[in-house]
Protein backbone atom coordinates (compact mmCIF):
# COMPACT_ATOMS: atom_id res chain seq x y z
CA ALA A 1 -0.85 6.37 72.55
CA SER A 2 2.31 5.28 74.07
CA SER A 3 3.72 1.74 74.41
CA PRO A 4 7.16 1.61 76.18
CA ASP A 5 9.19 -1.77 76.20
CA MET A 6 7.17 -4.29 78.17
CA GLU A 7 9.06 -6.45 80.91
CA SER A 8 6.33 -8.44 82.41
CA ASN A 9 7.02 -10.75 85.40
CA TYR A 10 5.19 -13.09 87.72
CA GLY A 11 5.13 -10.49 90.44
CA GLY A 12 3.79 -6.82 90.97
CA GLY A 13 0.12 -7.91 91.06
CA LEU A 14 -2.23 -9.56 93.38
CA LEU A 15 -0.19 -12.70 93.25
CA ASP A 16 2.57 -10.68 94.61
CA MET A 17 1.00 -10.07 97.98
CA VAL A 18 3.80 -11.46 100.01
CA LYS A 19 7.03 -9.47 99.24
CA GLY A 20 9.45 -11.49 96.90
CA GLY A 21 7.03 -12.42 94.18
CA ALA A 22 4.18 -14.89 93.70
CA GLY A 23 6.32 -17.83 94.76
CA ARG A 24 6.62 -16.67 98.18
CA LEU A 25 2.78 -17.01 98.82
CA PHE A 26 3.61 -20.81 98.81
CA SER A 27 7.23 -20.98 100.18
CA ASN A 28 6.41 -18.40 103.16
CA LEU A 29 3.52 -20.60 104.06
CA LYS A 30 5.55 -23.90 104.11
CA ASP A 31 8.92 -22.36 105.56
CA ASN A 32 7.57 -20.14 108.19
CA LEU A 33 4.51 -21.76 109.32
CA LYS A 34 6.39 -25.01 110.70
CA ASP A 35 8.46 -22.94 113.47
CA THR A 36 5.83 -20.48 114.13
CA LEU A 37 2.80 -22.82 114.73
CA LYS A 38 4.03 -26.01 116.04
CA ASP A 39 3.75 -25.13 119.56
CA THR A 40 0.53 -23.51 119.63
CA SER A 41 -1.81 -25.27 122.06
CA THR A 42 -5.53 -24.78 123.33
CA LYS A 43 -3.91 -22.32 125.67
CA VAL A 44 -3.76 -19.93 123.11
CA MET A 45 -7.56 -20.19 122.71
CA GLN A 46 -8.19 -19.26 126.37
CA SER A 47 -5.90 -16.09 125.89
CA VAL A 48 -7.94 -15.11 122.66
CA ALA A 49 -11.16 -15.50 124.51
CA SER A 50 -10.05 -13.26 127.18
CA TYR A 51 -8.81 -10.67 124.94
CA THR A 52 -11.04 -7.77 124.15
CA LYS A 53 -10.05 -5.11 121.50
CA GLY A 54 -8.88 -1.71 123.10
CA GLU A 55 -6.43 0.48 121.60
CA LEU A 56 -4.84 -2.11 119.44
CA ASP A 57 -6.43 -2.85 115.94
CA ILE A 58 -5.73 -6.76 116.05
CA SER A 59 -8.04 -9.50 114.93
CA TYR A 60 -7.70 -13.22 115.79
CA ILE A 61 -9.17 -14.98 112.56
CA THR A 62 -8.36 -18.31 114.25
CA SER A 63 -6.00 -19.00 117.16
CA ARG A 64 -3.05 -19.29 114.80
CA ILE A 65 -3.88 -16.40 112.36
CA ILE A 66 -3.77 -12.63 113.57
CA VAL A 67 -4.56 -9.67 111.03
CA MET A 68 -3.62 -6.33 112.29
CA SER A 69 -3.30 -2.72 110.86
CA PHE A 70 0.11 -1.56 109.92
CA PRO A 71 2.14 -0.82 113.13
CA ALA A 72 3.19 2.81 113.38
CA GLU A 73 5.82 5.12 114.44
CA GLY A 74 6.31 8.93 114.33
CA VAL A 75 3.69 11.05 112.98
CA GLU A 76 1.35 8.05 112.22
CA LEU A 77 1.01 7.09 116.03
CA GLY A 78 -2.35 9.01 116.10
CA PHE A 79 -4.28 6.63 114.10
CA ARG A 80 -2.31 3.39 113.94
CA ASN A 81 -1.05 0.70 116.23
CA HIS A 82 1.99 1.62 118.19
CA ILE A 83 4.86 -0.56 116.94
CA GLU A 84 6.13 -1.10 120.49
CA ASP A 85 2.73 -2.01 121.81
CA VAL A 86 2.20 -4.77 119.24
CA ARG A 87 5.42 -6.15 119.66
CA THR A 88 4.74 -6.24 123.38
CA PHE A 89 1.38 -8.03 122.67
CA LEU A 90 2.81 -10.42 120.50
CA ASP A 91 5.93 -11.19 122.72
CA SER A 92 3.71 -11.71 125.94
CA ARG A 93 1.02 -13.98 124.32
CA HIS A 94 3.19 -15.82 121.52
CA PRO A 95 6.67 -15.74 122.72
CA ASP A 96 9.27 -16.89 120.11
CA HIS A 97 6.49 -18.38 118.04
CA TYR A 98 5.31 -15.79 115.61
CA THR A 99 6.15 -14.63 112.05
CA VAL A 100 4.73 -11.10 110.95
CA PHE A 101 4.18 -10.85 107.04
CA ASN A 102 4.41 -7.26 105.76
CA LEU A 103 1.56 -7.02 103.02
CA SER A 104 2.03 -3.22 102.48
CA PRO A 105 4.79 -1.33 100.26
CA LYS A 106 6.10 0.32 103.44
CA SER A 107 8.96 -1.23 105.40
CA TYR A 108 10.44 -0.88 108.82
CA ARG A 109 14.02 -0.22 110.28
CA SER A 110 15.83 -3.39 110.88
CA ALA A 111 15.29 -4.97 114.23
CA ARG A 112 11.56 -3.90 113.89
CA PHE A 113 8.74 -6.35 112.44
CA HIS A 114 6.51 -5.61 109.73
CA ASN A 115 2.94 -5.12 108.33
CA ARG A 116 -0.13 1.65 104.99
CA ASP A 117 -3.01 -0.29 106.63
CA GLY A 118 -3.02 -3.44 104.46
CA ARG A 119 -6.60 -4.42 105.29
CA VAL A 120 -7.37 -5.69 101.93
CA ALA A 121 -4.09 -7.12 101.24
CA SER A 122 -4.23 -9.14 104.48
CA ALA A 123 -7.86 -10.04 103.68
CA VAL A 124 -6.91 -11.52 100.21
CA LEU A 125 -3.90 -13.39 101.75
CA VAL A 126 -5.67 -15.14 104.53
CA SER A 127 -8.69 -15.93 102.66
CA ALA A 128 -6.29 -17.56 100.03
CA MET A 129 -4.66 -19.18 102.98
CA PHE A 130 -7.88 -20.84 103.81
CA CYS A 131 -8.24 -22.23 100.61
CA PHE A 132 -4.51 -23.13 100.04
CA CYS A 133 -4.65 -25.23 103.25
CA HIS A 134 -7.73 -27.03 102.01
CA LEU A 135 -10.10 -25.55 104.42
CA PHE A 136 -12.36 -24.33 101.75
CA SER A 137 -12.47 -25.19 97.83
CA ASN A 138 -13.83 -21.86 96.71
CA PRO A 139 -13.48 -18.23 97.76
CA VAL A 140 -16.83 -17.38 98.94
CA PRO A 141 -16.87 -19.24 102.53
CA ALA A 142 -13.24 -18.09 102.97
CA ILE A 143 -14.12 -14.44 102.55
CA GLN A 144 -17.28 -14.84 104.71
CA LEU A 145 -15.30 -16.37 107.52
CA LEU A 146 -12.92 -13.54 107.44
CA ASN A 147 -15.48 -10.94 107.38
CA SER A 148 -17.00 -12.58 110.29
CA LYS A 149 -13.79 -12.14 112.31
CA ARG A 150 -12.54 -8.81 110.95
CA PRO A 151 -15.75 -6.83 109.45
CA GLY A 152 -15.37 -3.93 107.27
CA THR A 153 -13.09 -5.10 104.57
CA ILE A 154 -14.44 -4.69 101.11
CA LEU A 155 -12.64 -6.94 98.45
CA TRP A 156 -13.18 -6.22 94.59
CA PRO A 157 -14.12 -8.99 92.20
CA SER A 158 -10.54 -9.04 91.02
CA HIS A 159 -9.45 -9.88 94.70
CA ARG A 160 -12.01 -12.80 94.63
CA ARG A 161 -10.95 -13.81 91.25
CA TYR A 162 -7.33 -14.30 92.41
CA ILE A 163 -8.26 -16.25 95.50
CA GLY A 164 -10.11 -18.44 93.02
CA TYR A 165 -6.73 -18.79 91.20
CA ILE A 166 -5.41 -20.45 94.47
CA CYS A 167 -8.44 -22.81 94.75
CA ASP A 168 -7.71 -23.87 91.00
CA LEU A 169 -3.99 -24.38 91.96
CA ILE A 170 -4.81 -26.84 94.88
CA ALA A 171 -7.91 -28.56 93.42
CA ASP A 172 -8.09 -32.46 93.25
CA LYS A 173 -7.26 -31.95 89.80
CA PRO A 174 -5.23 -28.85 89.70
CA PHE A 175 -5.17 -26.39 86.80
CA GLN A 176 -2.08 -25.91 85.24
CA PRO A 177 -1.61 -22.27 84.16
CA HIS A 178 0.06 -21.61 80.87
CA CYS A 179 3.09 -19.29 80.15
CA LYS A 180 1.89 -18.04 76.68
CA PRO A 181 1.35 -14.17 76.05
CA LEU A 182 -1.80 -12.93 74.80
CA THR A 183 -2.58 -9.82 72.83
CA ILE A 184 -5.69 -7.56 74.01
CA LYS A 185 -7.01 -6.63 70.60
CA ALA A 186 -9.89 -4.24 71.86
CA VAL A 187 -12.10 -3.47 74.88
CA LEU A 188 -15.83 -3.05 74.21
CA LEU A 189 -18.01 -1.30 76.66
CA SER A 190 -21.85 -1.74 76.27
CA PRO A 191 -24.26 0.25 76.85
CA VAL A 192 -22.48 3.61 77.07
CA PRO A 193 -21.88 4.70 80.63
CA CYS A 194 -22.89 8.30 81.65
CA PHE A 195 -20.00 10.01 83.10
CA ASN A 196 -20.08 13.51 81.26
CA LYS A 197 -21.72 16.45 82.91
CA GLN A 198 -25.00 15.93 80.85
CA ARG A 199 -25.16 12.43 81.93
CA ASN A 200 -25.53 11.19 78.42
CA GLY A 201 -21.93 9.69 77.42
CA CYS A 202 -18.44 9.72 78.30
CA ARG A 203 -14.94 10.45 76.90
CA PRO A 204 -13.07 7.37 77.48
CA PHE A 205 -9.43 6.28 77.59
CA CYS A 206 -7.60 3.02 78.62
CA ASP A 207 -4.63 2.32 80.53
CA ILE A 208 -2.89 -1.44 80.36
CA LEU A 209 -0.52 -2.27 83.20
CA ILE A 210 1.53 -5.10 83.96
CA GLY A 211 1.47 -5.48 87.84
CA GLU A 212 2.01 -1.88 88.86
CA THR A 213 3.47 -0.35 85.73
CA ARG A 214 1.69 1.31 83.02
CA ILE A 215 2.86 -0.11 79.61
CA PHE A 216 0.13 1.44 77.36
CA THR A 217 -2.35 4.20 77.14
CA THR A 218 -4.97 5.49 74.58
CA SER A 219 -5.06 8.93 76.49
CA GLN A 220 -4.34 11.98 74.28
CA GLU A 221 -4.95 15.84 74.40
CA TYR A 222 -8.45 16.54 75.57
CA GLU A 223 -9.69 18.01 72.31
CA ARG A 224 -8.70 14.84 70.43
CA MET A 225 -10.54 12.32 72.72
CA LYS A 226 -13.84 11.18 71.13
CA GLU A 227 -16.79 11.62 73.20
CA TYR A 228 -19.25 8.88 73.03
CA ARG A 229 -23.13 9.28 73.42
CA VAL A 230 -25.72 7.11 74.72
CA GLN A 231 -27.20 6.86 71.51
CA GLU A 232 -24.23 5.00 69.96
CA GLY A 233 -24.91 1.90 72.06
CA LYS A 234 -21.43 0.76 72.57
CA ILE A 235 -17.72 1.81 73.05
CA ILE A 236 -14.86 0.05 71.17
CA ILE A 237 -11.41 0.85 72.24
CA PRO A 238 -8.88 -0.67 69.86
CA LEU A 239 -5.49 -1.76 71.67
CA GLY A 240 -3.47 -4.34 70.09
CA VAL A 241 -1.13 -4.75 73.32
CA THR A 242 0.68 -7.93 74.14
CA VAL A 243 0.82 -8.80 77.87
CA HIS A 244 1.86 -11.53 80.03
CA GLY A 245 1.46 -12.17 83.85
CA ASP A 246 -0.58 -10.00 86.06
CA VAL A 247 -2.60 -7.57 83.79
CA VAL A 248 -4.73 -4.60 84.73
CA ILE A 249 -7.16 -3.01 82.25
CA SER A 250 -8.30 0.32 83.51
CA VAL A 251 -10.83 2.75 81.63
CA TYR A 252 -11.33 6.36 82.72
CA HIS A 253 -13.48 9.18 81.68
CA MET A 254 -11.38 12.29 80.80
CA ARG A 255 -13.14 15.67 81.60
CA SER A 256 -12.12 19.32 81.68
CA THR A 257 -12.73 21.00 85.09
CA ILE A 258 -12.28 24.61 84.12
CA GLY A 259 -13.15 26.34 80.91
CA GLY A 260 -10.78 27.86 78.53
CA ARG A 261 -8.21 25.95 76.76
CA LEU A 262 -5.04 27.48 78.26
CA GLN A 263 -6.43 27.19 81.85
CA ALA A 264 -8.12 23.86 81.42
CA LYS A 265 -7.20 21.06 83.98
CA MET A 266 -7.73 17.40 83.21
CA SER A 267 -9.40 15.34 85.68
CA ASN A 268 -9.97 11.57 85.16
CA THR A 269 -12.78 9.48 86.60
CA GLN A 270 -12.30 5.77 86.78
CA ILE A 271 -15.10 3.89 85.00
CA PHE A 272 -14.06 0.45 85.83
CA GLN A 273 -10.91 -1.53 86.46
CA ILE A 274 -10.19 -5.26 85.63
CA GLN A 275 -7.43 -7.50 86.70
CA PHE A 276 -6.61 -11.09 85.57
CA HIS A 277 -3.53 -13.38 85.17
CA THR A 278 -2.93 -14.34 81.60
CA GLY A 279 -1.77 -17.81 82.69
CA PHE A 280 -5.40 -18.61 83.82
CA VAL A 281 -7.20 -17.77 80.45
CA SER A 282 -7.98 -21.00 78.81
CA LEU A 283 -6.36 -21.75 75.56
CA GLY A 284 -8.46 -20.96 72.44
CA THR A 285 -10.25 -18.10 74.56
CA THR A 286 -10.83 -15.19 72.15
CA LEU A 287 -13.44 -13.15 74.28
CA LEU A 288 -13.57 -12.35 77.82
CA LYS A 289 -16.92 -11.03 79.22
CA PHE A 290 -17.25 -9.14 82.52
CA ASN A 291 -20.75 -8.13 83.76
CA LYS A 292 -20.73 -5.25 86.16
CA PRO A 293 -20.57 -7.34 89.30
CA GLU A 294 -17.37 -8.60 88.08
CA LEU A 295 -15.89 -5.21 87.45
CA ASP A 296 -13.69 -3.20 90.03
CA ALA A 297 -14.16 0.34 90.98
CA CYS A 298 -18.01 0.90 89.64
CA ASP A 299 -18.62 3.24 92.66
CA SER A 300 -21.34 5.21 91.18
CA PRO A 301 -24.34 2.92 90.18
CA GLU A 302 -26.28 5.67 88.49
CA LYS A 303 -23.75 6.17 86.05
CA TYR A 304 -23.91 2.80 84.56
CA PRO A 305 -26.99 1.50 82.34
CA GLN A 306 -28.82 -1.56 82.82
CA LEU A 307 -26.83 -4.61 81.80
CA PHE A 308 -23.82 -2.94 81.50
CA HIS A 309 -20.87 -5.09 80.50
CA VAL A 310 -17.23 -5.26 79.18
CA ILE A 311 -15.91 -7.62 76.61
CA VAL A 312 -12.23 -7.87 75.97
CA GLU A 313 -11.15 -9.21 72.65
CA ILE A 314 -7.92 -11.21 73.02
CA GLU A 315 -5.69 -13.76 71.01
CA ILE A 316 -3.39 -16.05 72.70
CA GLU A 317 -0.09 -16.55 71.13
CA SER A 318 0.92 -20.26 70.38
CA ALA A 319 4.34 -20.12 71.79
CA ASP A 320 5.31 -20.10 75.46
CA ARG A 321 7.20 -16.72 76.54
CA GLN A 322 10.69 -17.23 77.31
CA THR A 323 11.75 -16.28 80.94
CA ASP A 324 14.37 -16.96 83.52
CA LEU A 325 11.65 -16.99 86.15
CA THR A 326 10.09 -20.17 87.22
CA PRO A 327 6.37 -19.95 87.94
CA PRO A 328 5.37 -20.73 91.50
CA TRP A 329 2.98 -23.36 90.55
CA GLU A 330 5.56 -25.35 88.58
CA ASN A 331 6.57 -28.89 90.27
CA PHE A 332 4.41 -27.92 93.41
CA THR A 333 2.55 -30.46 95.21
CA THR A 334 -0.37 -29.80 97.64
CA LYS A 335 -0.41 -33.42 99.14
CA ASP A 336 1.27 -32.42 102.50
CA ILE A 337 -1.22 -29.60 103.05
CA ASN A 338 -3.84 -30.13 106.02
CA PRO A 339 -6.32 -27.60 107.15
CA SER A 340 -5.66 -28.51 110.90
CA ILE A 341 -2.53 -26.40 110.78
CA LEU A 342 -4.80 -23.28 110.87
CA PHE A 343 -6.20 -24.21 114.23
CA SER A 344 -4.97 -25.06 117.83
CA SER A 345 -7.64 -27.94 118.44
CA HIS A 346 -10.08 -30.40 116.77
CA GLN A 347 -12.75 -28.52 118.62
CA GLU A 348 -11.74 -25.02 116.99
CA HIS A 349 -11.44 -26.65 113.64
CA GLN A 350 -15.13 -27.97 113.91
CA ASP A 351 -16.38 -24.70 115.29
CA THR A 352 -14.84 -22.74 112.44
CA LEU A 353 -16.65 -24.85 109.80
CA ALA A 354 -20.01 -24.60 111.61
CA MET A 355 -19.50 -20.82 111.55
CA ALA A 356 -18.84 -20.87 107.71
CA GLY A 357 -22.05 -23.07 107.29
CA ARG A 358 -20.10 -26.36 106.63
CA SER A 359 -20.83 -29.61 108.16
CA PRO A 360 -18.77 -32.11 110.12
CA GLY A 361 -18.97 -34.27 107.18
CA ASP A 362 -17.15 -31.73 104.94
CA ALA A 363 -14.33 -31.63 107.39
CA SER A 364 -14.17 -35.47 107.19
CA GLN A 365 -13.94 -35.50 103.50
CA ASP A 366 -10.93 -32.83 103.75
CA ASN A 367 -9.25 -35.26 106.05
CA LEU A 368 -9.48 -38.17 103.80
CA LYS A 369 -8.48 -36.01 100.77
CA THR A 370 -5.12 -35.37 102.86
CA ALA A 371 -4.65 -38.81 104.22
CA GLY A 372 -1.23 -40.04 103.51
CA GLN A 373 0.32 -36.63 103.41
CA GLY A 374 4.17 -36.17 103.74
CA ALA A 375 5.66 -35.06 107.19
CA PHE A 376 6.46 -31.56 106.36
CA LEU A 377 3.38 -29.87 107.01
CA SER A 378 1.63 -32.64 108.92
CA SER A 379 4.25 -31.67 111.73
CA LEU A 380 2.19 -28.60 112.12
CA SER A 381 -1.29 -30.45 112.90
CA TRP A 382 -2.80 -30.80 116.26
CA GLN A 383 -3.52 -34.28 115.09
CA GLY A 384 0.09 -35.29 115.48
CA THR A 385 0.66 -33.48 118.82
């Protein structure tokens, strides 16, 4: 096993969807939306209604939120939006009043604007934005609305978990994440999944990542890896790894694809993956249980026994982790956030709620909740125009 020095931070995971770290999810919404959206009117809705999808992969989630695949140049032109066509489209329909968020690891030459395809990243961010702006108080209707406007995007349970974190942060009584590291003592799998050729067991190893950086692995040479059989009932993988921030636990089955020790090639098949943020694990928690529907990357249902689940044994440290970074939720207020900034008109707002299965009374409660809000984001509201 290996355990290089760990340098965890608040970015690098699902809370780092917007470049610059988790805090940018909040600051970008506040700093960019004001100039981008304040002059949007109901005329945009007429434009949206007349727009039919053709060569461009562009979806209007609302009249003020557009999701598109990664604009392309060069060899990618055969299967992606042409960057010049996208820029022309946006310039003609939203002149001088749009901001493009790049949600992929790729970047453009300067003077080009931004957004790999990024379908999952954009779905997570837009769904989180619905919750951040108090349109919904839980991830389910937010994701349903996104899928109704841009079908085909499959979100993993961890994506939904992180959208839920946003809901916790902006609730009437906001959850305050802690800054204490935790130690992952062991991971337990039960019953034993069937990933070997005989379909009677597996040869598992575990990777631990902080953001996208692997900090620990139990992987060894093939001959030294224990093979577990169904009859054993469970698998316990001892770890003893201290982590902080965005954590990924990924368990694989190791197999040899070619016979013969000298010619053998290792091929790893992912059994499952879990991602969570340590700050949202309640103090005093010692066990985290994940049933199969709460696990990522479980793509072969026939390999998992009935009632398959994972238990992560943890210990939360008593002292906060010292860091120069300020968490994005510290000293953050949501009192000036109103869902009307997402729409061009009251009617669009009501129609969207109806599409999501919410009654006008729900919208009234949202308006009451944000009454007395500050002038900052309220300037984006159609109610004040």
